[in-house]
């Protein structure tokens, strides 16, 4: 959190008070050097911060009481931040041999590229180890695809997710995270009768390492 401090300088008025000053005591070169130095000073640029994280997610599909497809979903991600700017990228995978309760299965890896927008975080302290940060976020995938083995066709999906990301600092370099999100998947290249919109509730537990 940036803090802006307003400093007010009050001039000392010495009305009616004579202060003897000797001309020999004034070093004009030194004064000019201090003035030039003050004018040439520029704000120091803030360095880039790099973080890497691992998030293990589970998901629950709405309208389906028993679902094994989202029990273990690892996500590897990195972000690069500087001042107020943050660039985020992630790579998501679902394990081989996925068992879907509705009969659909994937034989290949599930790949996802996405765009992430994080809003103003709320930071406070719950533990002595470090601050707790709660960040509402939105996430939109650029492209999600999976291979349908029965049709020998690549299936594409557009995903929209809103969630709450909680980060608890454990040390200057290590943090633990909790994540809850509501996700809507718009599926393309479907067979007749398939649902075009599927809704999920997702929860996640992970760790962050800051370089």
Protein backbone atom coordinates (compact mmCIF):
# COMPACT_ATOMS: atom_id res chain seq x y z
CA UNK A 1 0.00 0.00 0.00
CA UNK A 2 1.43 3.36 -1.04
CA UNK A 3 1.37 6.13 1.48
CA UNK A 4 1.48 9.78 0.43
CA UNK A 5 2.80 12.13 3.08
CA UNK A 6 2.14 15.84 2.84
CA UNK A 7 4.87 17.92 4.39
CA UNK A 8 4.26 21.57 5.24
CA UNK A 9 7.24 23.87 5.71
CA UNK A 10 6.67 26.83 7.99
CA UNK A 11 9.09 29.73 7.43
CA UNK A 12 10.63 31.32 10.48
CA UNK A 13 9.87 35.02 10.51
CA UNK A 14 12.49 37.11 12.31
CA UNK A 15 10.84 40.48 12.06
CA UNK A 16 12.76 43.16 13.85
CA UNK A 17 15.57 40.80 14.78
CA UNK A 18 18.94 41.53 13.27
CA UNK A 19 21.10 38.50 12.48
CA UNK A 20 24.64 39.45 11.61
CA UNK A 21 26.00 37.52 8.70
CA UNK A 22 29.56 37.69 7.49
CA UNK A 23 30.06 37.54 3.76
CA UNK A 24 33.04 35.29 4.22
CA UNK A 25 30.82 32.63 5.79
CA UNK A 26 28.75 32.09 2.61
CA UNK A 27 30.06 29.51 0.14
CA UNK A 28 28.16 30.24 -3.08
CA UNK A 29 29.68 27.27 -4.93
CA UNK A 30 28.43 24.89 -2.24
CA UNK A 31 24.95 26.42 -2.37
CA UNK A 32 24.82 26.13 -6.17
CA UNK A 33 25.97 22.50 -6.00
CA UNK A 34 23.19 21.63 -3.53
CA UNK A 35 20.60 23.36 -5.73
CA UNK A 36 21.76 21.53 -8.86
CA UNK A 37 21.81 18.22 -7.03
CA UNK A 38 18.26 18.70 -5.81
CA UNK A 39 17.02 19.58 -9.28
CA UNK A 40 18.69 16.57 -10.88
CA UNK A 41 17.27 14.03 -8.45
CA UNK A 42 14.73 11.65 -10.02
CA UNK A 43 12.60 9.03 -8.25
CA UNK A 44 14.40 5.71 -8.07
CA UNK A 45 12.79 3.09 -10.30
CA UNK A 46 11.25 0.17 -8.47
CA UNK A 47 12.65 -3.27 -9.34
CA UNK A 48 10.63 -6.05 -10.91
CA UNK A 49 9.31 -8.68 -8.50
CA UNK A 50 9.01 -12.27 -9.69
CA UNK A 51 6.86 -14.91 -8.02
CA UNK A 52 6.15 -18.56 -8.84
CA UNK A 53 3.25 -20.54 -7.46
CA UNK A 54 1.70 -23.99 -7.35
CA UNK A 55 -2.05 -24.33 -6.86
CA UNK A 56 -3.85 -27.66 -6.40
CA UNK A 57 -7.56 -27.28 -7.19
CA UNK A 58 -10.72 -29.32 -6.82
CA UNK A 59 -13.99 -28.61 -8.58
CA UNK A 60 -17.66 -29.44 -8.16
CA UNK A 61 -19.87 -29.37 -11.22
CA UNK A 62 -23.34 -27.90 -10.60
CA UNK A 63 -26.13 -30.43 -10.99
CA UNK A 64 -23.83 -33.41 -10.62
CA UNK A 65 -23.50 -35.00 -7.19
CA UNK A 66 -20.52 -37.27 -7.87
CA UNK A 67 -17.71 -36.04 -10.08
CA UNK A 68 -14.16 -37.35 -10.21
CA UNK A 69 -12.86 -35.20 -13.05
CA UNK A 70 -11.70 -32.28 -10.91
CA UNK A 71 -10.32 -33.97 -7.83
CA UNK A 72 -6.66 -33.13 -8.60
CA UNK A 73 -5.87 -30.20 -10.89
CA UNK A 74 -2.35 -28.75 -10.59
CA UNK A 75 -1.69 -25.24 -11.88
CA UNK A 76 1.78 -23.74 -12.25
CA UNK A 77 1.92 -19.96 -12.55
CA UNK A 78 4.26 -16.99 -12.50
CA UNK A 79 3.70 -13.28 -12.21
CA UNK A 80 5.91 -10.26 -12.75
CA UNK A 81 5.03 -7.05 -10.92
CA UNK A 82 6.44 -3.56 -10.82
CA UNK A 83 4.77 -0.78 -8.91
CA UNK A 84 1.07 -1.04 -9.88
CA UNK A 85 1.59 -3.29 -12.92
CA UNK A 86 1.30 -7.08 -12.74
CA UNK A 87 1.68 -9.58 -15.59
CA UNK A 88 0.37 -13.06 -14.88
CA UNK A 89 0.56 -16.34 -16.76
CA UNK A 90 -0.34 -19.90 -15.86
CA UNK A 91 -0.22 -23.42 -17.24
CA UNK A 92 -2.97 -25.76 -16.16
CA UNK A 93 -3.03 -29.53 -16.43
CA UNK A 94 -5.45 -32.30 -15.67
CA UNK A 95 -4.08 -35.77 -15.04
CA UNK A 96 -4.21 -38.64 -17.54
CA UNK A 97 -6.92 -41.26 -17.20
CA UNK A 98 -9.57 -38.76 -16.10
CA UNK A 99 -12.74 -40.50 -14.95
CA UNK A 100 -15.86 -38.47 -15.74
CA UNK A 101 -19.06 -39.65 -14.13
CA UNK A 102 -21.08 -38.64 -17.21
CA UNK A 103 -19.10 -41.01 -19.43
CA UNK A 104 -16.85 -38.49 -21.15
CA UNK A 105 -13.10 -39.00 -20.87
CA UNK A 106 -9.94 -37.28 -22.06
CA UNK A 107 -6.86 -39.15 -23.22
CA UNK A 108 -4.57 -36.14 -23.67
CA UNK A 109 -3.41 -33.37 -21.41
CA UNK A 110 -5.69 -30.42 -20.83
CA UNK A 111 -4.04 -27.14 -21.78
CA UNK A 112 -5.11 -23.66 -20.81
CA UNK A 113 -3.81 -20.16 -21.55
CA UNK A 114 -5.47 -17.34 -19.75
CA UNK A 115 -5.64 -13.64 -18.95
CA UNK A 116 -5.89 -12.61 -15.32
CA UNK A 117 -7.11 -9.32 -13.84
CA UNK A 118 -6.57 -8.76 -10.13
CA UNK A 119 -8.36 -6.00 -8.31
CA UNK A 120 -7.37 -3.86 -5.34
CA UNK A 121 -6.12 -6.19 -2.58
CA UNK A 122 -7.13 -5.91 1.06
CA UNK A 123 -4.24 -6.51 3.45
CA UNK A 124 -4.35 -7.02 7.21
CA UNK A 125 -2.51 -9.05 9.85
CA UNK A 126 -3.96 -12.16 11.46
CA UNK A 127 -0.72 -13.84 12.48
CA UNK A 128 2.72 -12.72 13.57
CA UNK A 129 4.32 -14.53 10.62
CA UNK A 130 3.25 -11.84 8.16
CA UNK A 131 0.33 -10.00 6.56
CA UNK A 132 -2.78 -11.64 5.14
CA UNK A 133 -3.88 -10.38 1.71
CA UNK A 134 -7.36 -10.93 0.23
CA UNK A 135 -7.64 -10.22 -3.50
CA UNK A 136 -10.87 -10.38 -5.53
CA UNK A 137 -10.07 -11.34 -9.12
CA UNK A 138 -11.50 -12.14 -12.52
CA UNK A 139 -9.98 -14.54 -15.02
CA UNK A 140 -10.75 -15.09 -18.68
CA UNK A 141 -9.12 -17.81 -20.74
CA UNK A 142 -7.67 -17.03 -24.14
CA UNK A 143 -8.02 -20.62 -25.31
CA UNK A 144 -8.73 -23.95 -23.66
CA UNK A 145 -8.59 -27.18 -25.60
CA UNK A 146 -8.81 -30.90 -25.00
CA UNK A 147 -8.71 -33.90 -27.28
CA UNK A 148 -11.89 -35.93 -27.64
CA UNK A 149 -10.57 -39.44 -28.35
CA UNK A 150 -13.90 -40.89 -29.45
CA UNK A 151 -14.39 -38.19 -32.10
CA UNK A 152 -10.67 -37.63 -32.73
CA UNK A 153 -11.31 -33.91 -32.49
CA UNK A 154 -9.90 -31.04 -30.48
CA UNK A 155 -12.56 -29.42 -28.30
CA UNK A 156 -12.38 -25.71 -27.40
CA UNK A 157 -13.78 -23.98 -24.33
CA UNK A 158 -14.06 -20.37 -23.13
CA UNK A 159 -13.94 -19.96 -19.36
CA UNK A 160 -14.92 -17.01 -17.16
CA UNK A 161 -14.03 -17.12 -13.48
CA UNK A 162 -14.58 -14.78 -10.54
CA UNK A 163 -13.05 -15.58 -7.19
CA UNK A 164 -11.34 -14.64 -3.94
CA UNK A 165 -7.61 -15.27 -3.50
CA UNK A 166 -6.26 -15.34 0.08
CA UNK A 167 -2.51 -15.18 0.67
CA UNK A 168 -0.86 -15.65 4.06
CA UNK A 169 2.83 -14.80 4.29
CA UNK A 170 4.84 -17.43 6.18
CA UNK A 171 8.32 -15.98 5.58
CA UNK A 172 9.82 -13.22 3.41
CA UNK A 173 9.91 -15.65 0.46
CA UNK A 174 7.15 -18.20 1.14
CA UNK A 175 3.37 -17.78 1.34
CA UNK A 176 0.41 -20.15 1.58
CA UNK A 177 -2.73 -19.51 -0.47
CA UNK A 178 -6.41 -20.39 -0.45
CA UNK A 179 -8.65 -19.86 -3.46
CA UNK A 180 -12.39 -20.03 -4.09
CA UNK A 181 -13.91 -19.35 -7.50
CA UNK A 182 -17.14 -19.63 -9.46
CA UNK A 183 -16.50 -20.58 -13.07
CA UNK A 184 -18.71 -20.67 -16.15
CA UNK A 185 -17.48 -22.72 -19.12
CA UNK A 186 -18.82 -22.09 -22.61
CA UNK A 187 -18.08 -25.19 -24.67
CA UNK A 188 -17.68 -25.19 -28.43
CA UNK A 189 -17.50 -27.94 -31.10
CA UNK A 190 -20.15 -29.95 -29.27
CA UNK A 191 -22.17 -32.91 -30.39
CA UNK A 192 -25.95 -32.45 -30.70
CA UNK A 193 -27.57 -32.58 -27.28
CA UNK A 194 -24.48 -31.57 -25.29
CA UNK A 195 -24.78 -28.71 -22.83
CA UNK A 196 -23.07 -25.54 -24.12
CA UNK A 197 -22.77 -23.95 -20.65
CA UNK A 198 -21.37 -25.75 -17.59
CA UNK A 199 -20.91 -24.14 -14.14
CA UNK A 200 -18.32 -25.07 -11.52
CA UNK A 201 -17.39 -24.22 -7.96
CA UNK A 202 -13.63 -24.44 -7.45
CA UNK A 203 -11.46 -24.46 -4.34
CA UNK A 204 -7.68 -24.46 -4.20
CA UNK A 205 -4.72 -24.72 -1.84
CA UNK A 206 -1.24 -23.62 -2.88
CA UNK A 207 2.11 -22.03 -2.14
CA UNK A 208 3.99 -19.03 -3.53
CA UNK A 209 7.74 -18.49 -3.64
CA UNK A 210 8.94 -14.91 -4.12
CA UNK A 211 12.36 -14.39 -5.70
